[in-house]
């Protein structure tokens, strides 16, 4: 079954799984990979009492990509990869590998940028990691391209159409982010992945606030 998946989805699953395995083998605490997490701007981690972090750890531009391939624990990577499998493969079959990977990585970066802005506004000092920003971008795209497709939630096991699922998840993430009820979860990073995904699809379709693409371009779904 795995070999029947499109190449881009396979690659993302392999990379995320391989990096997670390295995390567990080298340093399950995650400190060895601290330079690849996304750190808030202007933060000095050495003053936070986080233990033996590598010297000079703090925000670096590459972290806007690398944070999206690190995970905190087994449940974290399991649910992210399950969502990638469920929503990524149909999107890649529709778009093709190049466009799919471009979209996914833009969502990861966009989620990171959103988190940096939120962290600066709220004076948050914690780094963020995980593929959730890219995954929420895929969820948004799936809801836009296949709005009537029926999907089944895991918790609780309730079937609903994809558009309802996207709206529901977006509303919950916004509520959790604004109220702080979600605990140590970067809800605004998730929302950032959805926002940037929406902007990319609008751009490809030539819809406001963007101009129409040249004849023959864009997405027809």
C-alpha atoms as a PDB file:
ATOM      1  CA  UNK A   1       0.000   0.000   0.000  1.00  0.00           C
ATOM      2  CA  UNK A   2       2.777   2.424   0.919  1.00  0.00           C
ATOM      3  CA  UNK A   3       4.453   1.960  -2.474  1.00  0.00           C
ATOM      4  CA  UNK A   4       1.202   2.953  -4.179  1.00  0.00           C
ATOM      5  CA  UNK A   5       1.269   6.416  -2.622  1.00  0.00           C
ATOM      6  CA  UNK A   6       2.417   9.331  -4.799  1.00  0.00           C
ATOM      7  CA  UNK A   7       6.116  10.158  -4.536  1.00  0.00           C
ATOM      8  CA  UNK A   8       5.818  13.487  -2.715  1.00  0.00           C
ATOM      9  CA  UNK A   9       3.634  12.072   0.035  1.00  0.00           C
ATOM     10  CA  UNK A  10       5.966   9.107   0.375  1.00  0.00           C
ATOM     11  CA  UNK A  11       8.984  11.413   0.646  1.00  0.00           C
ATOM     12  CA  UNK A  12       7.392  13.519   3.398  1.00  0.00           C
ATOM     13  CA  UNK A  13       6.440  10.402   5.362  1.00  0.00           C
ATOM     14  CA  UNK A  14       9.947   8.960   5.052  1.00  0.00           C
ATOM     15  CA  UNK A  15      11.666  12.215   5.996  1.00  0.00           C
ATOM     16  CA  UNK A  16       9.461  12.875   9.020  1.00  0.00           C
ATOM     17  CA  UNK A  17       9.745   9.264  10.170  1.00  0.00           C
ATOM     18  CA  UNK A  18      13.511   9.190   9.649  1.00  0.00           C
ATOM     19  CA  UNK A  19      14.083  12.425  11.537  1.00  0.00           C
ATOM     20  CA  UNK A  20      11.883  11.242  14.400  1.00  0.00           C
ATOM     21  CA  UNK A  21      13.886   8.013  14.612  1.00  0.00           C
ATOM     22  CA  UNK A  22      17.108  10.040  14.769  1.00  0.00           C
ATOM     23  CA  UNK A  23      15.628  12.162  17.536  1.00  0.00           C
ATOM     24  CA  UNK A  24      14.865   9.067  19.577  1.00  0.00           C
ATOM     25  CA  UNK A  25      18.240   7.452  18.948  1.00  0.00           C
ATOM     26  CA  UNK A  26      20.429  10.508  19.487  1.00  0.00           C
ATOM     27  CA  UNK A  27      18.607  12.549  22.110  1.00  0.00           C
ATOM     28  CA  UNK A  28      14.965  11.884  23.067  1.00  0.00           C
ATOM     29  CA  UNK A  29      14.982  15.093  25.156  1.00  0.00           C
ATOM     30  CA  UNK A  30      15.311  17.072  21.926  1.00  0.00           C
ATOM     31  CA  UNK A  31      18.114  19.367  23.044  1.00  0.00           C
ATOM     32  CA  UNK A  32      20.476  18.030  20.382  1.00  0.00           C
ATOM     33  CA  UNK A  33      18.000  19.242  17.755  1.00  0.00           C
ATOM     34  CA  UNK A  34      17.292  22.603  19.403  1.00  0.00           C
ATOM     35  CA  UNK A  35      19.008  24.502  16.583  1.00  0.00           C
ATOM     36  CA  UNK A  36      16.379  23.175  14.176  1.00  0.00           C
ATOM     37  CA  UNK A  37      13.305  24.113  16.228  1.00  0.00           C
ATOM     38  CA  UNK A  38      11.660  27.462  15.504  1.00  0.00           C
ATOM     39  CA  UNK A  39      12.660  29.933  18.222  1.00  0.00           C
ATOM     40  CA  UNK A  40      10.882  33.258  18.794  1.00  0.00           C
ATOM     41  CA  UNK A  41      12.694  36.339  17.530  1.00  0.00           C
ATOM     42  CA  UNK A  42      15.146  38.020  19.870  1.00  0.00           C
ATOM     43  CA  UNK A  43      15.050  35.232  22.450  1.00  0.00           C
ATOM     44  CA  UNK A  44      18.132  34.037  24.357  1.00  0.00           C
ATOM     45  CA  UNK A  45      17.421  30.371  25.194  1.00  0.00           C
ATOM     46  CA  UNK A  46      20.507  30.186  27.413  1.00  0.00           C
ATOM     47  CA  UNK A  47      18.671  32.379  29.932  1.00  0.00           C
ATOM     48  CA  UNK A  48      15.644  30.064  30.141  1.00  0.00           C
ATOM     49  CA  UNK A  49      17.138  27.209  32.139  1.00  0.00           C
ATOM     50  CA  UNK A  50      16.482  24.619  29.439  1.00  0.00           C
ATOM     51  CA  UNK A  51      19.551  22.523  30.192  1.00  0.00           C
ATOM     52  CA  UNK A  52      22.503  21.728  27.961  1.00  0.00           C
ATOM     53  CA  UNK A  53      21.489  23.449  24.751  1.00  0.00           C
ATOM     54  CA  UNK A  54      24.011  23.908  21.944  1.00  0.00           C
ATOM     55  CA  UNK A  55      25.772  27.295  22.132  1.00  0.00           C
ATOM     56  CA  UNK A  56      24.162  30.147  20.242  1.00  0.00           C
ATOM     57  CA  UNK A  57      20.730  28.524  19.922  1.00  0.00           C
ATOM     58  CA  UNK A  58      18.088  31.057  18.883  1.00  0.00           C
ATOM     59  CA  UNK A  59      16.160  32.065  15.786  1.00  0.00           C
ATOM     60  CA  UNK A  60      17.795  31.301  12.448  1.00  0.00           C
ATOM     61  CA  UNK A  61      16.079  31.540   9.026  1.00  0.00           C
ATOM     62  CA  UNK A  62      16.412  27.841   8.210  1.00  0.00           C
ATOM     63  CA  UNK A  63      14.251  27.002  11.204  1.00  0.00           C
ATOM     64  CA  UNK A  64      11.190  28.146   9.234  1.00  0.00           C
ATOM     65  CA  UNK A  65      11.527  24.840   7.357  1.00  0.00           C
ATOM     66  CA  UNK A  66      13.369  22.497   9.698  1.00  0.00           C
ATOM     67  CA  UNK A  67      10.938  22.864  12.607  1.00  0.00           C
ATOM     68  CA  UNK A  68       8.278  21.213  10.450  1.00  0.00           C
ATOM     69  CA  UNK A  69      10.193  17.920  10.386  1.00  0.00           C
ATOM     70  CA  UNK A  70      10.702  17.551  14.152  1.00  0.00           C
ATOM     71  CA  UNK A  71       8.193  16.001  16.558  1.00  0.00           C
ATOM     72  CA  UNK A  72       7.890  15.896  20.315  1.00  0.00           C
ATOM     73  CA  UNK A  73       6.607  12.368  20.783  1.00  0.00           C
ATOM     74  CA  UNK A  74       5.005   9.321  19.200  1.00  0.00           C
ATOM     75  CA  UNK A  75       1.430  10.609  19.337  1.00  0.00           C
ATOM     76  CA  UNK A  76       2.546  13.948  17.859  1.00  0.00           C
ATOM     77  CA  UNK A  77       4.091  12.382  14.764  1.00  0.00           C
ATOM     78  CA  UNK A  78       1.445   9.658  14.457  1.00  0.00           C
ATOM     79  CA  UNK A  79      -1.513  12.009  14.099  1.00  0.00           C
ATOM     80  CA  UNK A  80       0.387  14.409  11.843  1.00  0.00           C
ATOM     81  CA  UNK A  81       1.482  11.612   9.515  1.00  0.00           C
ATOM     82  CA  UNK A  82      -2.001  10.083   9.528  1.00  0.00           C
ATOM     83  CA  UNK A  83      -3.434  13.421   8.382  1.00  0.00           C
ATOM     84  CA  UNK A  84      -0.665  13.762   5.787  1.00  0.00           C
ATOM     85  CA  UNK A  85      -1.566  10.326   4.453  1.00  0.00           C
ATOM     86  CA  UNK A  86      -5.315  11.037   4.407  1.00  0.00           C
ATOM     87  CA  UNK A  87      -5.253  14.482   2.813  1.00  0.00           C
ATOM     88  CA  UNK A  88      -1.855  14.700   1.119  1.00  0.00           C
ATOM     89  CA  UNK A  89      -2.179  11.789  -1.292  1.00  0.00           C
ATOM     90  CA  UNK A  90      -5.479  12.947  -2.914  1.00  0.00           C
ATOM     91  CA  UNK A  91      -4.106  16.465  -3.284  1.00  0.00           C
ATOM     92  CA  UNK A  92      -0.896  15.220  -4.884  1.00  0.00           C
ATOM     93  CA  UNK A  93      -2.855  13.059  -7.335  1.00  0.00           C
ATOM     94  CA  UNK A  94      -4.839  16.192  -8.264  1.00  0.00           C
ATOM     95  CA  UNK A  95      -2.019  18.736  -8.404  1.00  0.00           C
ATOM     96  CA  UNK A  96       1.041  16.675  -9.249  1.00  0.00           C
ATOM     97  CA  UNK A  97       4.121  16.241  -7.090  1.00  0.00           C
ATOM     98  CA  UNK A  98       5.827  19.585  -7.749  1.00  0.00           C
ATOM     99  CA  UNK A  99       2.793  21.718  -6.983  1.00  0.00           C
ATOM    100  CA  UNK A 100       1.873  19.583  -3.981  1.00  0.00           C
ATOM    101  CA  UNK A 101       5.310  19.885  -2.366  1.00  0.00           C
ATOM    102  CA  UNK A 102       5.454  23.604  -3.149  1.00  0.00           C
ATOM    103  CA  UNK A 103       2.108  24.099  -1.454  1.00  0.00           C
ATOM    104  CA  UNK A 104       3.036  22.016   1.591  1.00  0.00           C
ATOM    105  CA  UNK A 105       6.348  23.800   2.196  1.00  0.00           C
ATOM    106  CA  UNK A 106       4.746  27.231   1.782  1.00  0.00           C
ATOM    107  CA  UNK A 107       2.223  26.245   4.456  1.00  0.00           C
ATOM    108  CA  UNK A 108       5.028  25.122   6.783  1.00  0.00           C
ATOM    109  CA  UNK A 109       6.873  28.420   6.328  1.00  0.00           C
ATOM    110  CA  UNK A 110       3.650  30.433   6.587  1.00  0.00           C
ATOM    111  CA  UNK A 111       2.715  28.673   9.812  1.00  0.00           C
ATOM    112  CA  UNK A 112       6.164  29.464  11.183  1.00  0.00           C
ATOM    113  CA  UNK A 113       5.901  33.134  10.261  1.00  0.00           C
ATOM    114  CA  UNK A 114       2.494  33.336  11.907  1.00  0.00           C
ATOM    115  CA  UNK A 115       3.874  31.770  15.065  1.00  0.00           C
ATOM    116  CA  UNK A 116       6.770  34.240  15.149  1.00  0.00           C
ATOM    117  CA  UNK A 117       4.328  37.142  14.914  1.00  0.00           C
ATOM    118  CA  UNK A 118       2.063  35.728  17.605  1.00  0.00           C
ATOM    119  CA  UNK A 119       5.000  34.906  19.877  1.00  0.00           C
ATOM    120  CA  UNK A 120       6.334  38.448  19.548  1.00  0.00           C
ATOM    121  CA  UNK A 121       2.918  39.990  20.264  1.00  0.00           C
ATOM    122  CA  UNK A 122       2.252  37.776  23.290  1.00  0.00           C
ATOM    123  CA  UNK A 123       5.876  37.602  24.504  1.00  0.00           C
ATOM    124  CA  UNK A 124       5.965  33.814  24.152  1.00  0.00           C
ATOM    125  CA  UNK A 125       9.383  32.291  24.792  1.00  0.00           C
ATOM    126  CA  UNK A 126       8.814  28.646  23.790  1.00  0.00           C
ATOM    127  CA  UNK A 127      10.068  27.168  20.512  1.00  0.00           C
ATOM    128  CA  UNK A 128       7.692  25.336  18.199  1.00  0.00           C
ATOM    129  CA  UNK A 129       8.142  22.111  16.245  1.00  0.00           C
ATOM    130  CA  UNK A 130       6.029  19.709  14.229  1.00  0.00           C
ATOM    131  CA  UNK A 131       4.404  19.266  10.823  1.00  0.00           C
ATOM    132  CA  UNK A 132       1.019  20.533  12.011  1.00  0.00           C
ATOM    133  CA  UNK A 133       1.228  23.843  10.115  1.00  0.00           C
ATOM    134  CA  UNK A 134       1.735  22.004   6.819  1.00  0.00           C
ATOM    135  CA  UNK A 135      -0.897  19.418   7.718  1.00  0.00           C
ATOM    136  CA  UNK A 136      -3.509  22.079   8.503  1.00  0.00           C
ATOM    137  CA  UNK A 137      -2.701  23.636   5.139  1.00  0.00           C
ATOM    138  CA  UNK A 138      -3.447  20.274   3.514  1.00  0.00           C
ATOM    139  CA  UNK A 139      -6.697  20.016   5.447  1.00  0.00           C
ATOM    140  CA  UNK A 140      -7.734  23.461   4.181  1.00  0.00           C
ATOM    141  CA  UNK A 141      -6.868  22.525   0.593  1.00  0.00           C
ATOM    142  CA  UNK A 142      -8.781  19.253   0.826  1.00  0.00           C
ATOM    143  CA  UNK A 143     -11.846  21.109   2.044  1.00  0.00           C
ATOM    144  CA  UNK A 144     -11.579  23.615  -0.811  1.00  0.00           C
ATOM    145  CA  UNK A 145     -10.987  21.069  -3.580  1.00  0.00           C
ATOM    146  CA  UNK A 146     -13.297  18.321  -2.305  1.00  0.00           C
ATOM    147  CA  UNK A 147     -15.877  20.159  -0.151  1.00  0.00           C
ATOM    148  CA  UNK A 148     -18.547  17.437  -0.353  1.00  0.00           C
ATOM    149  CA  UNK A 149     -16.201  14.488   0.231  1.00  0.00           C
ATOM    150  CA  UNK A 150     -17.239  12.555   3.339  1.00  0.00           C
ATOM    151  CA  UNK A 151     -14.543  12.060   5.972  1.00  0.00           C
ATOM    152  CA  UNK A 152     -14.604  10.233   9.303  1.00  0.00           C
ATOM    153  CA  UNK A 153     -13.244  11.764  12.490  1.00  0.00           C
ATOM    154  CA  UNK A 154     -11.276   9.568  14.872  1.00  0.00           C
ATOM    155  CA  UNK A 155     -12.380  11.319  18.073  1.00  0.00           C
ATOM    156  CA  UNK A 156     -15.339  11.129  18.057  1.00  0.00           C
ATOM    157  CA  UNK A 157     -15.984   8.788  15.075  1.00  0.00           C
ATOM    158  CA  UNK A 158     -18.484  11.038  13.317  1.00  0.00           C
ATOM    159  CA  UNK A 159     -18.755  11.309   9.489  1.00  0.00           C
ATOM    160  CA  UNK A 160     -19.030  14.777   7.948  1.00  0.00           C
ATOM    161  CA  UNK A 161     -18.229  16.533   4.704  1.00  0.00           C
ATOM    162  CA  UNK A 162     -14.756  17.998   4.258  1.00  0.00           C
ATOM    163  CA  UNK A 163     -15.904  21.614   4.194  1.00  0.00           C
ATOM    164  CA  UNK A 164     -17.634  21.239   7.566  1.00  0.00           C
ATOM    165  CA  UNK A 165     -14.520  19.580   8.980  1.00  0.00           C
ATOM    166  CA  UNK A 166     -12.304  22.475   7.854  1.00  0.00           C
ATOM    167  CA  UNK A 167     -14.644  25.133   9.228  1.00  0.00           C
ATOM    168  CA  UNK A 168     -14.977  23.247  12.512  1.00  0.00           C
ATOM    169  CA  UNK A 169     -11.247  22.766  12.962  1.00  0.00           C
ATOM    170  CA  UNK A 170     -10.550  26.375  12.057  1.00  0.00           C
ATOM    171  CA  UNK A 171     -13.099  27.635  14.585  1.00  0.00           C
ATOM    172  CA  UNK A 172     -11.740  25.402  17.347  1.00  0.00           C
ATOM    173  CA  UNK A 173      -8.149  26.431  16.663  1.00  0.00           C
ATOM    174  CA  UNK A 174      -9.105  30.117  16.756  1.00  0.00           C
ATOM    175  CA  UNK A 175     -11.023  29.655  20.011  1.00  0.00           C
ATOM    176  CA  UNK A 176      -8.184  27.726  21.633  1.00  0.00           C
ATOM    177  CA  UNK A 177      -5.586  30.204  20.455  1.00  0.00           C
ATOM    178  CA  UNK A 178      -7.445  33.304  21.629  1.00  0.00           C
ATOM    179  CA  UNK A 179      -8.510  31.893  24.995  1.00  0.00           C
ATOM    180  CA  UNK A 180      -5.325  29.946  25.716  1.00  0.00           C
ATOM    181  CA  UNK A 181      -7.370  26.845  26.565  1.00  0.00           C
ATOM    182  CA  UNK A 182      -5.286  24.642  24.297  1.00  0.00           C
ATOM    183  CA  UNK A 183      -2.306  24.477  26.615  1.00  0.00           C
ATOM    184  CA  UNK A 184       1.139  24.098  25.092  1.00  0.00           C
ATOM    185  CA  UNK A 185      -0.072  23.890  21.475  1.00  0.00           C
ATOM    186  CA  UNK A 186       0.773  26.461  18.805  1.00  0.00           C
ATOM    187  CA  UNK A 187      -2.779  27.038  17.591  1.00  0.00           C
ATOM    188  CA  UNK A 188      -1.873  30.170  15.657  1.00  0.00           C
ATOM    189  CA  UNK A 189       0.770  28.216  13.758  1.00  0.00           C
ATOM    190  CA  UNK A 190      -2.006  25.838  12.669  1.00  0.00           C
ATOM    191  CA  UNK A 191      -4.160  28.786  11.628  1.00  0.00           C
ATOM    192  CA  UNK A 192      -1.177  30.279   9.799  1.00  0.00           C
ATOM    193  CA  UNK A 193      -0.799  27.098   7.767  1.00  0.00           C
ATOM    194  CA  UNK A 194      -4.461  27.321   6.791  1.00  0.00           C
ATOM    195  CA  UNK A 195      -4.235  31.039   5.977  1.00  0.00           C
ATOM    196  CA  UNK A 196      -1.186  30.693   3.744  1.00  0.00           C
ATOM    197  CA  UNK A 197      -2.713  27.629   2.081  1.00  0.00           C
ATOM    198  CA  UNK A 198      -5.861  29.621   1.322  1.00  0.00           C
ATOM    199  CA  UNK A 199      -3.783  32.462  -0.141  1.00  0.00           C
ATOM    200  CA  UNK A 200      -1.779  30.071  -2.340  1.00  0.00           C
ATOM    201  CA  UNK A 201      -4.911  28.433  -3.742  1.00  0.00           C
ATOM    202  CA  UNK A 202      -6.520  31.832  -4.353  1.00  0.00           C
ATOM    203  CA  UNK A 203      -3.353  32.910  -6.170  1.00  0.00           C
ATOM    204  CA  UNK A 204      -3.289  29.790  -8.327  1.00  0.00           C
ATOM    205  CA  UNK A 205      -6.957  30.282  -9.188  1.00  0.00           C
ATOM    206  CA  UNK A 206      -6.481  33.974  -9.956  1.00  0.00           C
ATOM    207  CA  UNK A 207      -9.082  34.960  -7.385  1.00  0.00           C
ATOM    208  CA  UNK A 208      -9.072  38.154  -5.273  1.00  0.00           C
ATOM    209  CA  UNK A 209      -6.891  39.575  -3.872  1.00  0.00           C
ATOM    210  CA  UNK A 210      -4.754  38.274  -6.760  1.00  0.00           C
ATOM    211  CA  UNK A 211      -4.917  38.837 -10.492  1.00  0.00           C
ATOM    212  CA  UNK A 212      -6.011  36.148 -12.897  1.00  0.00           C
ATOM    213  CA  UNK A 213      -3.214  33.834 -14.104  1.00  0.00           C
ATOM    214  CA  UNK A 214      -2.248  33.621 -17.799  1.00  0.00           C
ATOM    215  CA  UNK A 215      -4.562  31.627 -20.072  1.00  0.00           C
ATOM    216  CA  UNK A 216      -4.191  27.918 -19.348  1.00  0.00           C
ATOM    217  CA  UNK A 217      -2.931  28.442 -15.777  1.00  0.00           C
ATOM    218  CA  UNK A 218      -4.510  28.067 -12.408  1.00  0.00           C
ATOM    219  CA  UNK A 219      -6.502  25.306 -10.784  1.00  0.00           C
ATOM    220  CA  UNK A 220      -9.751  24.209 -12.424  1.00  0.00           C
ATOM    221  CA  UNK A 221     -11.303  22.508  -9.410  1.00  0.00           C
END
